[in-house]
Amino acid sequence: MGTLAKVTTAGQVTLPKEIRERTNMEPGDFVEVEIDDEGHIVLTPKKLVDASQAYFWTEEWQKGERKADEDIKAGRVKRFKTAAEAVKYLKEKA
């Protein structure tokens, strides 16, 4: 059984502390509010993404991030002492 929460005259509901902690919700966060097919109110925590950062969350970009993580874990990386050294290496490979 869930926890009871009271609806205020302004239509506000305070989410219980345990729920906020388990979902990592903080003051100012957003929730998506829906009604499912059975008439239940469903709240889903949502994080807003700045439009200039939206590319990072595309499937294509995330696929590249996962591949990069795999390469790092597998040791398929090269370290450089300076940026100039890295640029020189890349130009030689081109």
PDB file of N, CA and C in Angstrom:
ATOM      1  N   MET A   1       0.854  -1.189   0.000  1.00  0.00           N
ATOM      2  CA  MET A   1       0.000   0.000   0.000  1.00  0.00           C
ATOM      3  C   MET A   1       0.883   1.229   0.000  1.00  0.00           C
ATOM      4  N   GLY A   2       0.471   2.237  -0.717  1.00  0.00           N
ATOM      5  CA  GLY A   2       1.225   3.478  -0.795  1.00  0.00           C
ATOM      6  C   GLY A   2       0.984   4.371   0.403  1.00  0.00           C
ATOM      7  N   THR A   3       1.543   5.550   0.342  1.00  0.00           N
ATOM      8  CA  THR A   3       1.399   6.554   1.389  1.00  0.00           C
ATOM      9  C   THR A   3       0.328   7.548   0.959  1.00  0.00           C
ATOM     10  N   LEU A   4      -0.489   7.983   1.897  1.00  0.00           N
ATOM     11  CA  LEU A   4      -1.507   8.985   1.583  1.00  0.00           C
ATOM     12  C   LEU A   4      -0.877  10.364   1.515  1.00  0.00           C
ATOM     13  N   ALA A   5      -1.339  11.157   0.573  1.00  0.00           N
ATOM     14  CA  ALA A   5      -0.919  12.550   0.447  1.00  0.00           C
ATOM     15  C   ALA A   5      -2.176  13.369   0.206  1.00  0.00           C
ATOM     16  N   LYS A   6      -2.241  14.526   0.814  1.00  0.00           N
ATOM     17  CA  LYS A   6      -3.425  15.374   0.730  1.00  0.00           C
ATOM     18  C   LYS A   6      -3.278  16.388  -0.405  1.00  0.00           C
ATOM     19  N   VAL A   7      -4.365  16.607  -1.130  1.00  0.00           N
ATOM     20  CA  VAL A   7      -4.400  17.617  -2.185  1.00  0.00           C
ATOM     21  C   VAL A   7      -4.846  18.934  -1.546  1.00  0.00           C
ATOM     22  N   THR A   8      -4.054  19.997  -1.753  1.00  0.00           N
ATOM     23  CA  THR A   8      -4.404  21.300  -1.184  1.00  0.00           C
ATOM     24  C   THR A   8      -5.451  21.989  -2.050  1.00  0.00           C
ATOM     25  N   THR A   9      -5.957  23.116  -1.563  1.00  0.00           N
ATOM     26  CA  THR A   9      -6.946  23.872  -2.341  1.00  0.00           C
ATOM     27  C   THR A   9      -6.344  24.396  -3.638  1.00  0.00           C
ATOM     28  N   ALA A  10      -5.012  24.508  -3.683  1.00  0.00           N
ATOM     29  CA  ALA A  10      -4.333  24.951  -4.905  1.00  0.00           C
ATOM     30  C   ALA A  10      -4.031  23.777  -5.832  1.00  0.00           C
ATOM     31  N   GLY A  11      -4.469  22.570  -5.451  1.00  0.00           N
ATOM     32  CA  GLY A  11      -4.237  21.394  -6.281  1.00  0.00           C
ATOM     33  C   GLY A  11      -2.850  20.796  -6.110  1.00  0.00           C
ATOM     34  N   GLN A  12      -2.128  21.201  -5.068  1.00  0.00           N
ATOM     35  CA  GLN A  12      -0.773  20.707  -4.844  1.00  0.00           C
ATOM     36  C   GLN A  12      -0.779  19.460  -3.971  1.00  0.00           C
ATOM     37  N   VAL A  13       0.200  18.596  -4.231  1.00  0.00           N
ATOM     38  CA  VAL A  13       0.398  17.382  -3.437  1.00  0.00           C
ATOM     39  C   VAL A  13       1.862  17.360  -3.021  1.00  0.00           C
ATOM     40  N   THR A  14       2.127  17.112  -1.753  1.00  0.00           N
ATOM     41  CA  THR A  14       3.506  16.980  -1.289  1.00  0.00           C
ATOM     42  C   THR A  14       3.907  15.520  -1.410  1.00  0.00           C
ATOM     43  N   LEU A  15       4.977  15.275  -2.148  1.00  0.00           N
ATOM     44  CA  LEU A  15       5.475  13.907  -2.276  1.00  0.00           C
ATOM     45  C   LEU A  15       6.189  13.527  -0.985  1.00  0.00           C
ATOM     46  N   PRO A  16       5.890  12.368  -0.419  1.00  0.00           N
ATOM     47  CA  PRO A  16       6.547  11.945   0.819  1.00  0.00           C
ATOM     48  C   PRO A  16       8.066  11.876   0.656  1.00  0.00           C
ATOM     49  N   LYS A  17       8.778  12.148   1.742  1.00  0.00           N
ATOM     50  CA  LYS A  17      10.240  12.180   1.733  1.00  0.00           C
ATOM     51  C   LYS A  17      10.828  10.892   1.161  1.00  0.00           C
ATOM     52  N   GLU A  18      10.294   9.742   1.563  1.00  0.00           N
ATOM     53  CA  GLU A  18      10.820   8.453   1.079  1.00  0.00           C
ATOM     54  C   GLU A  18      10.726   8.360  -0.445  1.00  0.00           C
ATOM     55  N   ILE A  19       9.619   8.824  -0.995  1.00  0.00           N
ATOM     56  CA  ILE A  19       9.435   8.796  -2.454  1.00  0.00           C
ATOM     57  C   ILE A  19      10.447   9.722  -3.119  1.00  0.00           C
ATOM     58  N   ARG A  20      10.611  10.934  -2.579  1.00  0.00           N
ATOM     59  CA  ARG A  20      11.575  11.886  -3.153  1.00  0.00           C
ATOM     60  C   ARG A  20      12.989  11.322  -3.109  1.00  0.00           C
ATOM     61  N   GLU A  21      13.348  10.691  -1.997  1.00  0.00           N
ATOM     62  CA  GLU A  21      14.696  10.125  -1.868  1.00  0.00           C
ATOM     63  C   GLU A  21      14.907   8.964  -2.833  1.00  0.00           C
ATOM     64  N   ARG A  22      13.935   8.076  -2.937  1.00  0.00           N
ATOM     65  CA  ARG A  22      14.082   6.899  -3.811  1.00  0.00           C
ATOM     66  C   ARG A  22      14.135   7.266  -5.284  1.00  0.00           C
ATOM     67  N   THR A  23      13.565   8.408  -5.636  1.00  0.00           N
ATOM     68  CA  THR A  23      13.558   8.838  -7.037  1.00  0.00           C
ATOM     69  C   THR A  23      14.551   9.973  -7.294  1.00  0.00           C
ATOM     70  N   ASN A  24      15.367  10.299  -6.287  1.00  0.00           N
ATOM     71  CA  ASN A  24      16.369  11.374  -6.402  1.00  0.00           C
ATOM     72  C   ASN A  24      15.752  12.704  -6.818  1.00  0.00           C
ATOM     73  N   MET A  25      14.550  12.967  -6.345  1.00  0.00           N
ATOM     74  CA  MET A  25      13.882  14.229  -6.679  1.00  0.00           C
ATOM     75  C   MET A  25      14.367  15.320  -5.742  1.00  0.00           C
ATOM     76  N   GLU A  26      14.528  16.512  -6.306  1.00  0.00           N
ATOM     77  CA  GLU A  26      14.964  17.675  -5.539  1.00  0.00           C
ATOM     78  C   GLU A  26      13.985  18.819  -5.778  1.00  0.00           C
ATOM     79  N   PRO A  27      13.957  19.798  -4.866  1.00  0.00           N
ATOM     80  CA  PRO A  27      13.073  20.948  -5.088  1.00  0.00           C
ATOM     81  C   PRO A  27      13.340  21.578  -6.451  1.00  0.00           C
ATOM     82  N   GLY A  28      12.276  21.878  -7.172  1.00  0.00           N
ATOM     83  CA  GLY A  28      12.403  22.470  -8.500  1.00  0.00           C
ATOM     84  C   GLY A  28      12.352  21.459  -9.631  1.00  0.00           C
ATOM     85  N   ASP A  29      12.474  20.157  -9.314  1.00  0.00           N
ATOM     86  CA  ASP A  29      12.385  19.131 -10.350  1.00  0.00           C
ATOM     87  C   ASP A  29      10.965  19.083 -10.913  1.00  0.00           C
ATOM     88  N   PHE A  30      10.833  18.463 -12.060  1.00  0.00           N
ATOM     89  CA  PHE A  30       9.542  18.341 -12.727  1.00  0.00           C
ATOM     90  C   PHE A  30       9.060  16.897 -12.709  1.00  0.00           C
ATOM     91  N   VAL A  31       7.737  16.724 -12.777  1.00  0.00           N
ATOM     92  CA  VAL A  31       7.143  15.400 -12.948  1.00  0.00           C
ATOM     93  C   VAL A  31       6.152  15.476 -14.098  1.00  0.00           C
ATOM     94  N   GLU A  32       6.097  14.401 -14.864  1.00  0.00           N
ATOM     95  CA  GLU A  32       5.079  14.282 -15.905  1.00  0.00           C
ATOM     96  C   GLU A  32       3.862  13.658 -15.237  1.00  0.00           C
ATOM     97  N   VAL A  33       2.685  14.208 -15.485  1.00  0.00           N
ATOM     98  CA  VAL A  33       1.457  13.719 -14.864  1.00  0.00           C
ATOM     99  C   VAL A  33       0.567  13.132 -15.948  1.00  0.00           C
ATOM    100  N   GLU A  34       0.175  11.871 -15.757  1.00  0.00           N
ATOM    101  CA  GLU A  34      -0.689  11.181 -16.722  1.00  0.00           C
ATOM    102  C   GLU A  34      -1.762  10.403 -15.973  1.00  0.00           C
ATOM    103  N   ILE A  35      -2.797  10.042 -16.689  1.00  0.00           N
ATOM    104  CA  ILE A  35      -3.813   9.130 -16.163  1.00  0.00           C
ATOM    105  C   ILE A  35      -3.761   7.887 -17.028  1.00  0.00           C
ATOM    106  N   ASP A  36      -3.564   6.722 -16.390  1.00  0.00           N
ATOM    107  CA  ASP A  36      -3.479   5.484 -17.169  1.00  0.00           C
ATOM    108  C   ASP A  36      -4.871   4.976 -17.529  1.00  0.00           C
ATOM    109  N   ASP A  37      -4.924   3.852 -18.229  1.00  0.00           N
ATOM    110  CA  ASP A  37      -6.195   3.303 -18.716  1.00  0.00           C
ATOM    111  C   ASP A  37      -7.148   2.906 -17.595  1.00  0.00           C
ATOM    112  N   GLU A  38      -6.609   2.699 -16.395  1.00  0.00           N
ATOM    113  CA  GLU A  38      -7.452   2.309 -15.258  1.00  0.00           C
ATOM    114  C   GLU A  38      -7.849   3.501 -14.397  1.00  0.00           C
ATOM    115  N   GLY A  39      -7.472   4.707 -14.835  1.00  0.00           N
ATOM    116  CA  GLY A  39      -7.832   5.908 -14.100  1.00  0.00           C
ATOM    117  C   GLY A  39      -6.863   6.282 -12.991  1.00  0.00           C
ATOM    118  N   HIS A  40      -5.707   5.608 -12.927  1.00  0.00           N
ATOM    119  CA  HIS A  40      -4.700   5.934 -11.915  1.00  0.00           C
ATOM    120  C   HIS A  40      -3.876   7.140 -12.354  1.00  0.00           C
ATOM    121  N   ILE A  41      -3.545   7.986 -11.401  1.00  0.00           N
ATOM    122  CA  ILE A  41      -2.654   9.110 -11.674  1.00  0.00           C
ATOM    123  C   ILE A  41      -1.228   8.585 -11.607  1.00  0.00           C
ATOM    124  N   VAL A  42      -0.460   8.847 -12.657  1.00  0.00           N
ATOM    125  CA  VAL A  42       0.922   8.372 -12.731  1.00  0.00           C
ATOM    126  C   VAL A  42       1.847   9.584 -12.801  1.00  0.00           C
ATOM    127  N   LEU A  43       2.776   9.671 -11.851  1.00  0.00           N
ATOM    128  CA  LEU A  43       3.771  10.745 -11.838  1.00  0.00           C
ATOM    129  C   LEU A  43       5.113  10.149 -12.229  1.00  0.00           C
ATOM    130  N   THR A  44       5.771  10.755 -13.214  1.00  0.00           N
ATOM    131  CA  THR A  44       7.075  10.279 -13.668  1.00  0.00           C
ATOM    132  C   THR A  44       8.082  11.417 -13.554  1.00  0.00           C
ATOM    133  N   PRO A  45       9.151  11.234 -12.747  1.00  0.00           N
ATOM    134  CA  PRO A  45      10.163  12.290 -12.629  1.00  0.00           C
ATOM    135  C   PRO A  45      10.782  12.592 -13.992  1.00  0.00           C
ATOM    136  N   LYS A  46      10.981  13.865 -14.281  1.00  0.00           N
ATOM    137  CA  LYS A  46      11.579  14.294 -15.545  1.00  0.00           C
ATOM    138  C   LYS A  46      12.654  15.332 -15.275  1.00  0.00           C
ATOM    139  N   LYS A  47      13.726  15.269 -16.047  1.00  0.00           N
ATOM    140  CA  LYS A  47      14.785  16.273 -15.992  1.00  0.00           C
ATOM    141  C   LYS A  47      14.727  17.051 -17.301  1.00  0.00           C
ATOM    142  N   LEU A  48      14.730  18.357 -17.215  1.00  0.00           N
ATOM    143  CA  LEU A  48      14.726  19.179 -18.417  1.00  0.00           C
ATOM    144  C   LEU A  48      16.153  19.319 -18.922  1.00  0.00           C
ATOM    145  N   VAL A  49      16.306  19.304 -20.227  1.00  0.00           N
ATOM    146  CA  VAL A  49      17.618  19.419 -20.851  1.00  0.00           C
ATOM    147  C   VAL A  49      17.659  20.722 -21.635  1.00  0.00           C
ATOM    148  N   ASP A  50      18.695  21.517 -21.400  1.00  0.00           N
ATOM    149  CA  ASP A  50      18.882  22.753 -22.147  1.00  0.00           C
ATOM    150  C   ASP A  50      18.963  22.415 -23.634  1.00  0.00           C
ATOM    151  N   ALA A  51      18.311  23.200 -24.465  1.00  0.00           N
ATOM    152  CA  ALA A  51      18.269  22.920 -25.905  1.00  0.00           C
ATOM    153  C   ALA A  51      19.663  22.801 -26.504  1.00  0.00           C
ATOM    154  N   SER A  52      20.620  23.571 -25.980  1.00  0.00           N
ATOM    155  CA  SER A  52      21.978  23.514 -26.528  1.00  0.00           C
ATOM    156  C   SER A  52      22.696  22.214 -26.162  1.00  0.00           C
ATOM    157  N   GLN A  53      22.135  21.453 -25.228  1.00  0.00           N
ATOM    158  CA  GLN A  53      22.738  20.192 -24.806  1.00  0.00           C
ATOM    159  C   GLN A  53      21.928  18.975 -25.264  1.00  0.00           C
ATOM    160  N   ALA A  54      20.847  19.199 -25.985  1.00  0.00           N
ATOM    161  CA  ALA A  54      19.951  18.105 -26.373  1.00  0.00           C
ATOM    162  C   ALA A  54      20.633  17.060 -27.243  1.00  0.00           C
ATOM    163  N   TYR A  55      21.601  17.479 -28.071  1.00  0.00           N
ATOM    164  CA  TYR A  55      22.301  16.523 -28.943  1.00  0.00           C
ATOM    165  C   TYR A  55      22.912  15.385 -28.141  1.00  0.00           C
ATOM    166  N   PHE A  56      23.380  15.689 -26.938  1.00  0.00           N
ATOM    167  CA  PHE A  56      24.070  14.694 -26.117  1.00  0.00           C
ATOM    168  C   PHE A  56      23.160  13.514 -25.787  1.00  0.00           C
ATOM    169  N   TRP A  57      21.867  13.758 -25.706  1.00  0.00           N
ATOM    170  CA  TRP A  57      20.919  12.715 -25.297  1.00  0.00           C
ATOM    171  C   TRP A  57      20.279  11.994 -26.475  1.00  0.00           C
ATOM    172  N   THR A  58      20.713  12.298 -27.709  1.00  0.00           N
ATOM    173  CA  THR A  58      20.186  11.563 -28.857  1.00  0.00           C
ATOM    174  C   THR A  58      20.737  10.140 -28.839  1.00  0.00           C
ATOM    175  N   GLU A  59      20.009   9.210 -29.425  1.00  0.00           N
ATOM    176  CA  GLU A  59      20.453   7.807 -29.448  1.00  0.00           C
ATOM    177  C   GLU A  59      21.793   7.676 -30.159  1.00  0.00           C
ATOM    178  N   GLU A  60      21.975   8.423 -31.248  1.00  0.00           N
ATOM    179  CA  GLU A  60      23.233   8.352 -31.996  1.00  0.00           C
ATOM    180  C   GLU A  60      24.415   8.758 -31.111  1.00  0.00           C
ATOM    181  N   TRP A  61      24.269   9.864 -30.376  1.00  0.00           N
ATOM    182  CA  TRP A  61      25.365  10.332 -29.527  1.00  0.00           C
ATOM    183  C   TRP A  61      25.610   9.346 -28.383  1.00  0.00           C
ATOM    184  N   GLN A  62      24.538   8.851 -27.782  1.00  0.00           N
ATOM    185  CA  GLN A  62      24.685   7.910 -26.667  1.00  0.00           C
ATOM    186  C   GLN A  62      25.341   6.610 -27.121  1.00  0.00           C
ATOM    187  N   LYS A  63      25.070   6.199 -28.358  1.00  0.00           N
ATOM    188  CA  LYS A  63      25.731   5.014 -28.915  1.00  0.00           C
ATOM    189  C   LYS A  63      27.240   5.247 -28.965  1.00  0.00           C
ATOM    190  N   GLY A  64      27.642   6.438 -29.408  1.00  0.00           N
ATOM    191  CA  GLY A  64      29.062   6.784 -29.439  1.00  0.00           C
ATOM    192  C   GLY A  64      29.666   6.829 -28.046  1.00  0.00           C
ATOM    193  N   GLU A  65      28.910   7.331 -27.076  1.00  0.00           N
ATOM    194  CA  GLU A  65      29.386   7.368 -25.689  1.00  0.00           C
ATOM    195  C   GLU A  65      29.618   5.952 -25.159  1.00  0.00           C
ATOM    196  N   ARG A  66      28.681   5.048 -25.464  1.00  0.00           N
ATOM    197  CA  ARG A  66      28.839   3.655 -25.009  1.00  0.00           C
ATOM    198  C   ARG A  66      30.061   3.015 -25.650  1.00  0.00           C
ATOM    199  N   LYS A  67      30.278   3.281 -26.942  1.00  0.00           N
ATOM    200  CA  LYS A  67      31.447   2.735 -27.635  1.00  0.00           C
ATOM    201  C   LYS A  67      32.729   3.291 -27.026  1.00  0.00           C
ATOM    202  N   ALA A  68      32.755   4.582 -26.743  1.00  0.00           N
ATOM    203  CA  ALA A  68      33.936   5.195 -26.124  1.00  0.00           C
ATOM    204  C   ALA A  68      34.203   4.577 -24.756  1.00  0.00           C
ATOM    205  N   ASP A  69      33.150   4.352 -23.974  1.00  0.00           N
ATOM    206  CA  ASP A  69      33.318   3.715 -22.659  1.00  0.00           C
ATOM    207  C   ASP A  69      33.916   2.319 -22.803  1.00  0.00           C
ATOM    208  N   GLU A  70      33.435   1.567 -23.805  1.00  0.00           N
ATOM    209  CA  GLU A  70      33.977   0.221 -24.047  1.00  0.00           C
ATOM    210  C   GLU A  70      35.453   0.295 -24.426  1.00  0.00           C
ATOM    211  N   ASP A  71      35.814   1.248 -25.293  1.00  0.00           N
ATOM    212  CA  ASP A  71      37.213   1.413 -25.701  1.00  0.00           C
ATOM    213  C   ASP A  71      38.098   1.741 -24.499  1.00  0.00           C
ATOM    214  N   ILE A  72      37.628   2.609 -23.635  1.00  0.00           N
ATOM    215  CA  ILE A  72      38.403   2.975 -22.447  1.00  0.00           C
ATOM    216  C   ILE A  72      38.595   1.764 -21.549  1.00  0.00           C
ATOM    217  N   LYS A  73      37.519   1.018 -21.291  1.00  0.00           N
ATOM    218  CA  LYS A  73      37.612  -0.178 -20.436  1.00  0.00           C
ATOM    219  C   LYS A  73      38.546  -1.221 -21.025  1.00  0.00           C
ATOM    220  N   ALA A  74      38.574  -1.322 -22.356  1.00  0.00           N
ATOM    221  CA  ALA A  74      39.410  -2.320 -23.028  1.00  0.00           C
ATOM    222  C   ALA A  74      40.847  -1.827 -23.224  1.00  0.00           C
ATOM    223  N   GLY A  75      41.127  -0.595 -22.824  1.00  0.00           N
ATOM    224  CA  GLY A  75      42.480  -0.067 -22.962  1.00  0.00           C
ATOM    225  C   GLY A  75      42.822   0.427 -24.350  1.00  0.00           C
ATOM    226  N   ARG A  76      41.822   0.608 -25.202  1.00  0.00           N
ATOM    227  CA  ARG A  76      42.060   1.100 -26.566  1.00  0.00           C
ATOM    228  C   ARG A  76      42.088   2.633 -26.565  1.00  0.00           C
ATOM    229  N   VAL A  77      43.065   3.170 -25.845  1.00  0.00           N
ATOM    230  CA  VAL A  77      43.213   4.622 -25.745  1.00  0.00           C
ATOM    231  C   VAL A  77      44.686   4.993 -25.878  1.00  0.00           C
ATOM    232  N   LYS A  78      44.948   6.227 -26.210  1.00  0.00           N
ATOM    233  CA  LYS A  78      46.321   6.731 -26.275  1.00  0.00           C
ATOM    234  C   LYS A  78      46.346   8.032 -25.489  1.00  0.00           C
ATOM    235  N   ARG A  79      47.314   8.152 -24.611  1.00  0.00           N
ATOM    236  CA  ARG A  79      47.429   9.355 -23.784  1.00  0.00           C
ATOM    237  C   ARG A  79      48.524  10.266 -24.327  1.00  0.00           C
ATOM    238  N   PHE A  80      48.288  11.561 -24.197  1.00  0.00           N
ATOM    239  CA  PHE A  80      49.235  12.562 -24.667  1.00  0.00           C
ATOM    240  C   PHE A  80      49.562  13.519 -23.532  1.00  0.00           C
ATOM    241  N   LYS A  81      50.787  14.026 -23.540  1.00  0.00           N
ATOM    242  CA  LYS A  81      51.203  14.980 -22.507  1.00  0.00           C
ATOM    243  C   LYS A  81      50.702  16.385 -22.815  1.00  0.00           C
ATOM    244  N   THR A  82      50.556  16.688 -24.105  1.00  0.00           N
ATOM    245  CA  THR A  82      50.102  18.027 -24.504  1.00  0.00           C
ATOM    246  C   THR A  82      49.083  17.912 -25.633  1.00  0.00           C
ATOM    247  N   ALA A  83      48.333  18.982 -25.817  1.00  0.00           N
ATOM    248  CA  ALA A  83      47.373  19.028 -26.921  1.00  0.00           C
ATOM    249  C   ALA A  83      48.110  18.999 -28.254  1.00  0.00           C
ATOM    250  N   ALA A  84      49.244  19.677 -28.319  1.00  0.00           N
ATOM    251  CA  ALA A  84      50.029  19.707 -29.560  1.00  0.00           C
ATOM    252  C   ALA A  84      50.473  18.302 -29.950  1.00  0.00           C
ATOM    253  N   GLU A  85      50.853  17.509 -28.968  1.00  0.00           N
ATOM    254  CA  GLU A  85      51.251  16.121 -29.223  1.00  0.00           C
ATOM    255  C   GLU A  85      50.074  15.323 -29.788  1.00  0.00           C
ATOM    256  N   ALA A  86      48.884  15.560 -29.260  1.00  0.00           N
ATOM    257  CA  ALA A  86      47.688  14.866 -29.746  1.00  0.00           C
ATOM    258  C   ALA A  86      47.369  15.280 -31.178  1.00  0.00           C
ATOM    259  N   VAL A  87      47.448  16.568 -31.463  1.00  0.00           N
ATOM    260  CA  VAL A  87      47.169  17.065 -32.812  1.00  0.00           C
ATOM    261  C   VAL A  87      48.168  16.480 -33.804  1.00  0.00           C
ATOM    262  N   LYS A  88      49.433  16.453 -33.431  1.00  0.00           N
ATOM    263  CA  LYS A  88      50.471  15.891 -34.304  1.00  0.00           C
ATOM    264  C   LYS A  88      50.161  14.428 -34.615  1.00  0.00           C
ATOM    265  N   TYR A  89      49.785  13.672 -33.607  1.00  0.00           N
ATOM    266  CA  TYR A  89      49.440  12.256 -33.775  1.00  0.00           C
ATOM    267  C   TYR A  89      48.271  12.105 -34.751  1.00  0.00           C
ATOM    268  N   LEU A  90      47.241  12.911 -34.571  1.00  0.00           N
ATOM    269  CA  LEU A  90      46.062  12.827 -35.440  1.00  0.00           C
ATOM    270  C   LEU A  90      46.395  13.191 -36.882  1.00  0.00           C
ATOM    271  N   LYS A  91      47.232  14.195 -37.080  1.00  0.00           N
ATOM    272  CA  LYS A  91      47.623  14.589 -38.440  1.00  0.00           C
ATOM    273  C   LYS A  91      48.419  13.483 -39.122  1.00  0.00           C
ATOM    274  N   GLU A  92      49.249  12.785 -38.359  1.00  0.00           N
ATOM    275  CA  GLU A  92      50.034  11.685 -38.921  1.00  0.00           C
ATOM    276  C   GLU A  92      49.139  10.518 -39.318  1.00  0.00           C
ATOM    277  N   LYS A  93      48.037  10.332 -38.599  1.00  0.00           N
ATOM    278  CA  LYS A  93      47.110   9.227 -38.880  1.00  0.00           C
ATOM    279  C   LYS A  93      46.184   9.541 -40.048  1.00  0.00           C
ATOM    280  N   ALA A  94      46.047  10.822 -40.380  1.00  0.00           N
ATOM    281  CA  ALA A  94      45.101  11.235 -41.431  1.00  0.00           C
ATOM    282  C   ALA A  94      45.594  10.882 -42.817  1.00  0.00           C
TER     283      ALA A  94
END
